[in-house]
Amino acid sequence: MPTKQLTATVADLISWGPCGEWTPERIRKLAGRKRRWSALDVLALDGVPVKDRFWIVLRPELIAERDLHELACRFAEHVLPIWEAKHPDDRQPREAIAAKRRWLAGEIDKAALASAASAARAASDASDASDASDARAASAARAASAAWAASAGESRWQIRAVVKMLESRPPPGAAAAGRGRTRR
């Protein structure tokens, strides 16, 4: 069964409720005569902040849900060394990523996936609670957040990761039946 091209129209973008600076008029002007947009089209837009391009493309209307799950794993793996440097004995986030991949492969069910995710969240929450008492850690976290937001390198890496994944997929209609489905 052929897969359909995942695209969005200007009307779709407007219906998703973009932030106030992206008025329907501004979106229509940016679109010009283009009727349908793929994720790759949106990622290639110049003059649109990366965060806004990701807001558009990281949704199942433009990227298959299975691929969104895989991207989440890749993004988490990219920052995992930061967690592991601070918590070298805590393997729960790494195990949660591995569990997500096992779930995508059909090797575990949703309950096992939820259990791994819950353990990773609990570890993160415990870390947040202990860090709250340390003003230097809080200050460092704010600085890291600001650096992340300002980092063109990270933005370029994220865009390259999404583009690489999308370009590695078979063209619409060439995929086998059932591709892109996730376990429920």
C-alpha atoms as a PDB file:
ATOM      1  CA  MET A   1       0.000   0.000   0.000  1.00  0.00           C
ATOM      2  CA  PRO A   2       1.597   3.315  -1.004  1.00  0.00           C
ATOM      3  CA  THR A   3       2.294   5.893   1.648  1.00  0.00           C
ATOM      4  CA  LYS A   4       0.925   9.341   1.083  1.00  0.00           C
ATOM      5  CA  GLN A   5       3.156  12.389   0.842  1.00  0.00           C
ATOM      6  CA  LEU A   6       3.088  14.144   4.186  1.00  0.00           C
ATOM      7  CA  THR A   7       2.417  17.779   3.429  1.00  0.00           C
ATOM      8  CA  ALA A   8       0.528  20.713   4.884  1.00  0.00           C
ATOM      9  CA  THR A   9      -1.305  23.628   3.366  1.00  0.00           C
ATOM     10  CA  VAL A  10      -1.360  27.227   4.523  1.00  0.00           C
ATOM     11  CA  ALA A  11      -4.808  26.522   5.994  1.00  0.00           C
ATOM     12  CA  ASP A  12      -3.298  23.617   7.979  1.00  0.00           C
ATOM     13  CA  LEU A  13      -0.529  25.826   9.368  1.00  0.00           C
ATOM     14  CA  ILE A  14      -3.027  28.468  10.432  1.00  0.00           C
ATOM     15  CA  SER A  15      -5.315  25.856  12.028  1.00  0.00           C
ATOM     16  CA  TRP A  16      -2.445  24.621  14.232  1.00  0.00           C
ATOM     17  CA  GLY A  17      -2.521  27.946  16.100  1.00  0.00           C
ATOM     18  CA  PRO A  18       0.892  29.521  15.562  1.00  0.00           C
ATOM     19  CA  CYS A  19       2.130  32.197  17.953  1.00  0.00           C
ATOM     20  CA  GLY A  20       0.878  35.747  17.571  1.00  0.00           C
ATOM     21  CA  GLU A  21       3.726  37.004  15.397  1.00  0.00           C
ATOM     22  CA  TRP A  22       2.774  34.439  12.728  1.00  0.00           C
ATOM     23  CA  THR A  23      -0.512  35.936  11.599  1.00  0.00           C
ATOM     24  CA  PRO A  24      -2.501  34.307   8.795  1.00  0.00           C
ATOM     25  CA  GLU A  25      -1.460  37.197   6.546  1.00  0.00           C
ATOM     26  CA  ARG A  26       2.234  36.669   7.305  1.00  0.00           C
ATOM     27  CA  ILE A  27       1.942  32.932   6.670  1.00  0.00           C
ATOM     28  CA  ARG A  28       0.130  33.507   3.364  1.00  0.00           C
ATOM     29  CA  LYS A  29       2.779  36.024   2.300  1.00  0.00           C
ATOM     30  CA  LEU A  30       5.606  33.604   3.126  1.00  0.00           C
ATOM     31  CA  ALA A  31       3.860  30.796   1.236  1.00  0.00           C
ATOM     32  CA  GLY A  32       3.332  32.884  -1.883  1.00  0.00           C
ATOM     33  CA  ARG A  33       1.963  30.591  -4.579  1.00  0.00           C
ATOM     34  CA  LYS A  34       3.142  27.369  -2.966  1.00  0.00           C
ATOM     35  CA  ARG A  35       0.108  25.251  -2.129  1.00  0.00           C
ATOM     36  CA  ARG A  36       1.591  22.327  -0.175  1.00  0.00           C
ATOM     37  CA  TRP A  37       4.643  22.152   2.091  1.00  0.00           C
ATOM     38  CA  SER A  38       6.628  19.079   3.064  1.00  0.00           C
ATOM     39  CA  ALA A  39       8.820  18.964   6.161  1.00  0.00           C
ATOM     40  CA  LEU A  40      11.881  19.404   3.929  1.00  0.00           C
ATOM     41  CA  ASP A  41      10.315  22.496   2.330  1.00  0.00           C
ATOM     42  CA  VAL A  42       9.720  24.047   5.753  1.00  0.00           C
ATOM     43  CA  LEU A  43      13.198  23.195   7.058  1.00  0.00           C
ATOM     44  CA  ALA A  44      14.740  24.900   4.019  1.00  0.00           C
ATOM     45  CA  LEU A  45      12.981  28.224   4.680  1.00  0.00           C
ATOM     46  CA  ASP A  46      15.344  31.132   5.171  1.00  0.00           C
ATOM     47  CA  GLY A  47      14.218  33.946   7.397  1.00  0.00           C
ATOM     48  CA  VAL A  48      12.108  31.688   9.627  1.00  0.00           C
ATOM     49  CA  PRO A  49      13.643  30.994  13.048  1.00  0.00           C
ATOM     50  CA  VAL A  50      14.661  27.382  13.621  1.00  0.00           C
ATOM     51  CA  LYS A  51      12.330  27.043  16.605  1.00  0.00           C
ATOM     52  CA  ASP A  52       9.402  28.029  14.398  1.00  0.00           C
ATOM     53  CA  ARG A  53      10.423  25.606  11.637  1.00  0.00           C
ATOM     54  CA  PHE A  54      10.596  22.806  14.206  1.00  0.00           C
ATOM     55  CA  TRP A  55       7.229  23.841  15.643  1.00  0.00           C
ATOM     56  CA  ILE A  56       5.787  23.223  12.196  1.00  0.00           C
ATOM     57  CA  VAL A  57       7.566  20.026  11.183  1.00  0.00           C
ATOM     58  CA  LEU A  58       7.778  18.030  14.412  1.00  0.00           C
ATOM     59  CA  ARG A  59       4.207  16.804  14.164  1.00  0.00           C
ATOM     60  CA  PRO A  60       2.580  13.726  12.627  1.00  0.00           C
ATOM     61  CA  GLU A  61       0.986  15.769   9.864  1.00  0.00           C
ATOM     62  CA  LEU A  62       4.454  16.225   8.304  1.00  0.00           C
ATOM     63  CA  ILE A  63       6.637  13.449   9.711  1.00  0.00           C
ATOM     64  CA  ALA A  64       5.391   9.913  10.304  1.00  0.00           C
ATOM     65  CA  GLU A  65       4.901   9.174  13.999  1.00  0.00           C
ATOM     66  CA  ARG A  66       7.459   6.375  13.919  1.00  0.00           C
ATOM     67  CA  ASP A  67      10.042   8.829  12.574  1.00  0.00           C
ATOM     68  CA  LEU A  68       9.104  11.389  15.236  1.00  0.00           C
ATOM     69  CA  HIS A  69       9.826   8.761  17.903  1.00  0.00           C
ATOM     70  CA  GLU A  70      13.185   7.975  16.291  1.00  0.00           C
ATOM     71  CA  LEU A  71      14.068  11.681  16.135  1.00  0.00           C
ATOM     72  CA  ALA A  72      13.245  11.994  19.838  1.00  0.00           C
ATOM     73  CA  CYS A  73      15.729   9.174  20.500  1.00  0.00           C
ATOM     74  CA  ARG A  74      18.400  10.858  18.404  1.00  0.00           C
ATOM     75  CA  PHE A  75      17.915  14.250  20.058  1.00  0.00           C
ATOM     76  CA  ALA A  76      18.012  12.654  23.518  1.00  0.00           C
ATOM     77  CA  GLU A  77      21.174  10.701  22.651  1.00  0.00           C
ATOM     78  CA  HIS A  78      22.819  13.915  21.503  1.00  0.00           C
ATOM     79  CA  VAL A  79      22.491  15.499  24.957  1.00  0.00           C
ATOM     80  CA  LEU A  80      22.846  12.283  26.971  1.00  0.00           C
ATOM     81  CA  PRO A  81      26.577  12.894  27.619  1.00  0.00           C
ATOM     82  CA  ILE A  82      25.623  16.043  29.551  1.00  0.00           C
ATOM     83  CA  TRP A  83      23.386  13.997  31.872  1.00  0.00           C
ATOM     84  CA  GLU A  84      25.899  11.188  32.201  1.00  0.00           C
ATOM     85  CA  ALA A  85      28.731  13.585  33.059  1.00  0.00           C
ATOM     86  CA  LYS A  86      26.679  14.854  35.980  1.00  0.00           C
ATOM     87  CA  HIS A  87      25.135  11.486  36.913  1.00  0.00           C
ATOM     88  CA  PRO A  88      27.636   8.821  35.795  1.00  0.00           C
ATOM     89  CA  ASP A  89      25.916   6.016  37.698  1.00  0.00           C
ATOM     90  CA  ASP A  90      22.398   6.753  36.419  1.00  0.00           C
ATOM     91  CA  ARG A  91      21.679   4.660  33.331  1.00  0.00           C
ATOM     92  CA  GLN A  92      17.913   5.218  33.363  1.00  0.00           C
ATOM     93  CA  PRO A  93      17.785   7.858  30.594  1.00  0.00           C
ATOM     94  CA  ARG A  94      19.966   5.680  28.344  1.00  0.00           C
ATOM     95  CA  GLU A  95      17.780   2.673  29.166  1.00  0.00           C
ATOM     96  CA  ALA A  96      14.647   4.692  28.373  1.00  0.00           C
ATOM     97  CA  ILE A  97      16.039   5.539  24.927  1.00  0.00           C
ATOM     98  CA  ALA A  98      16.900   1.879  24.349  1.00  0.00           C
ATOM     99  CA  ALA A  99      13.400   0.893  25.486  1.00  0.00           C
ATOM    100  CA  LYS A 100      11.880   3.343  22.992  1.00  0.00           C
ATOM    101  CA  ARG A 101      13.891   1.733  20.217  1.00  0.00           C
ATOM    102  CA  ARG A 102      12.841  -1.760  21.357  1.00  0.00           C
ATOM    103  CA  TRP A 103       9.223  -0.553  21.332  1.00  0.00           C
ATOM    104  CA  LEU A 104       9.661   0.819  17.801  1.00  0.00           C
ATOM    105  CA  ALA A 105      11.026  -2.585  16.766  1.00  0.00           C
ATOM    106  CA  GLY A 106       8.014  -4.315  18.324  1.00  0.00           C
ATOM    107  CA  GLU A 107      10.136  -6.055  20.955  1.00  0.00           C
ATOM    108  CA  ILE A 108       8.351  -4.616  24.012  1.00  0.00           C
ATOM    109  CA  ASP A 109       4.838  -3.396  24.677  1.00  0.00           C
ATOM    110  CA  LYS A 110       3.634   0.047  25.662  1.00  0.00           C
ATOM    111  CA  ALA A 111       3.545  -0.865  29.381  1.00  0.00           C
ATOM    112  CA  ALA A 112       7.264  -1.741  29.403  1.00  0.00           C
ATOM    113  CA  LEU A 113       8.012   1.462  27.500  1.00  0.00           C
ATOM    114  CA  ALA A 114       5.988   3.509  30.009  1.00  0.00           C
ATOM    115  CA  SER A 115       7.869   1.884  32.893  1.00  0.00           C
ATOM    116  CA  ALA A 116      11.265   2.824  31.414  1.00  0.00           C
ATOM    117  CA  ALA A 117      10.099   6.374  30.701  1.00  0.00           C
ATOM    118  CA  SER A 118       8.732   6.728  34.219  1.00  0.00           C
ATOM    119  CA  ALA A 119      12.045   5.631  35.743  1.00  0.00           C
ATOM    120  CA  ALA A 120      13.935   8.161  33.624  1.00  0.00           C
ATOM    121  CA  ARG A 121      11.505  10.947  34.608  1.00  0.00           C
ATOM    122  CA  ALA A 122      11.855  10.043  38.279  1.00  0.00           C
ATOM    123  CA  ALA A 123      15.637  10.252  38.006  1.00  0.00           C
ATOM    124  CA  SER A 124      15.360  13.640  36.340  1.00  0.00           C
ATOM    125  CA  ASP A 125      12.896  14.906  38.956  1.00  0.00           C
ATOM    126  CA  ALA A 126      15.194  13.764  41.769  1.00  0.00           C
ATOM    127  CA  SER A 127      18.095  15.536  40.113  1.00  0.00           C
ATOM    128  CA  ASP A 128      16.040  18.710  39.730  1.00  0.00           C
ATOM    129  CA  ALA A 129      15.106  18.615  43.431  1.00  0.00           C
ATOM    130  CA  SER A 130      18.699  18.217  44.583  1.00  0.00           C
ATOM    131  CA  ASP A 131      19.899  20.905  42.178  1.00  0.00           C
ATOM    132  CA  ALA A 132      17.325  23.399  43.427  1.00  0.00           C
ATOM    133  CA  SER A 133      19.226  23.737  46.683  1.00  0.00           C
ATOM    134  CA  ASP A 134      22.422  24.658  44.875  1.00  0.00           C
ATOM    135  CA  ALA A 135      22.328  28.235  43.558  1.00  0.00           C
ATOM    136  CA  ARG A 136      25.410  27.657  41.419  1.00  0.00           C
ATOM    137  CA  ALA A 137      23.767  24.697  39.695  1.00  0.00           C
ATOM    138  CA  ALA A 138      20.641  26.749  39.052  1.00  0.00           C
ATOM    139  CA  SER A 139      22.731  29.549  37.615  1.00  0.00           C
ATOM    140  CA  ALA A 140      24.645  27.100  35.443  1.00  0.00           C
ATOM    141  CA  ALA A 141      21.388  25.593  34.221  1.00  0.00           C
ATOM    142  CA  ARG A 142      20.133  29.038  33.185  1.00  0.00           C
ATOM    143  CA  ALA A 143      23.409  29.762  31.421  1.00  0.00           C
ATOM    144  CA  ALA A 144      23.308  26.415  29.643  1.00  0.00           C
ATOM    145  CA  SER A 145      19.730  27.069  28.580  1.00  0.00           C
ATOM    146  CA  ALA A 146      20.675  30.479  27.197  1.00  0.00           C
ATOM    147  CA  ALA A 147      23.665  29.003  25.398  1.00  0.00           C
ATOM    148  CA  TRP A 148      21.475  26.293  23.920  1.00  0.00           C
ATOM    149  CA  ALA A 149      18.948  28.835  22.694  1.00  0.00           C
ATOM    150  CA  ALA A 150      21.670  30.954  21.131  1.00  0.00           C
ATOM    151  CA  SER A 151      23.620  28.089  19.627  1.00  0.00           C
ATOM    152  CA  ALA A 152      23.457  28.137  15.843  1.00  0.00           C
ATOM    153  CA  GLY A 153      25.516  24.954  15.871  1.00  0.00           C
ATOM    154  CA  GLU A 154      22.833  23.037  17.721  1.00  0.00           C
ATOM    155  CA  SER A 155      20.147  24.372  15.420  1.00  0.00           C
ATOM    156  CA  ARG A 156      22.129  23.306  12.368  1.00  0.00           C
ATOM    157  CA  TRP A 157      22.741  19.858  13.865  1.00  0.00           C
ATOM    158  CA  GLN A 158      19.050  19.369  14.590  1.00  0.00           C
ATOM    159  CA  ILE A 159      18.011  20.447  11.109  1.00  0.00           C
ATOM    160  CA  ARG A 160      20.647  18.165   9.537  1.00  0.00           C
ATOM    161  CA  ALA A 161      19.394  15.248  11.667  1.00  0.00           C
ATOM    162  CA  VAL A 162      15.799  15.724  10.542  1.00  0.00           C
ATOM    163  CA  VAL A 163      16.734  16.287   6.897  1.00  0.00           C
ATOM    164  CA  LYS A 164      18.999  13.223   6.881  1.00  0.00           C
ATOM    165  CA  MET A 165      16.209  11.059   8.286  1.00  0.00           C
ATOM    166  CA  LEU A 166      13.621  12.360   5.850  1.00  0.00           C
ATOM    167  CA  GLU A 167      15.920  12.007   2.856  1.00  0.00           C
ATOM    168  CA  SER A 168      16.775   8.425   3.820  1.00  0.00           C
ATOM    169  CA  ARG A 169      13.130   7.363   3.624  1.00  0.00           C
ATOM    170  CA  PRO A 170      11.775   5.804   0.435  1.00  0.00           C
ATOM    171  CA  PRO A 171       9.853   8.158  -1.832  1.00  0.00           C
ATOM    172  CA  PRO A 172       6.079   8.259  -1.330  1.00  0.00           C
ATOM    173  CA  GLY A 173       4.471   5.168  -2.764  1.00  0.00           C
ATOM    174  CA  ALA A 174       7.635   3.055  -2.534  1.00  0.00           C
ATOM    175  CA  ALA A 175       7.249   1.965   1.076  1.00  0.00           C
ATOM    176  CA  ALA A 176       5.954  -1.425   2.086  1.00  0.00           C
ATOM    177  CA  ALA A 177       2.505  -1.782   3.607  1.00  0.00           C
ATOM    178  CA  GLY A 178       2.397  -0.814   7.265  1.00  0.00           C
ATOM    179  CA  ARG A 179       5.528   1.347   7.231  1.00  0.00           C
ATOM    180  CA  GLY A 180       5.382   4.233   9.660  1.00  0.00           C
ATOM    181  CA  ARG A 181       2.898   2.627  11.994  1.00  0.00           C
ATOM    182  CA  THR A 182       3.524   2.570  15.691  1.00  0.00           C
ATOM    183  CA  ARG A 183       2.352   0.130  18.336  1.00  0.00           C
ATOM    184  CA  ARG A 184      -0.548   1.351  20.384  1.00  0.00           C
END
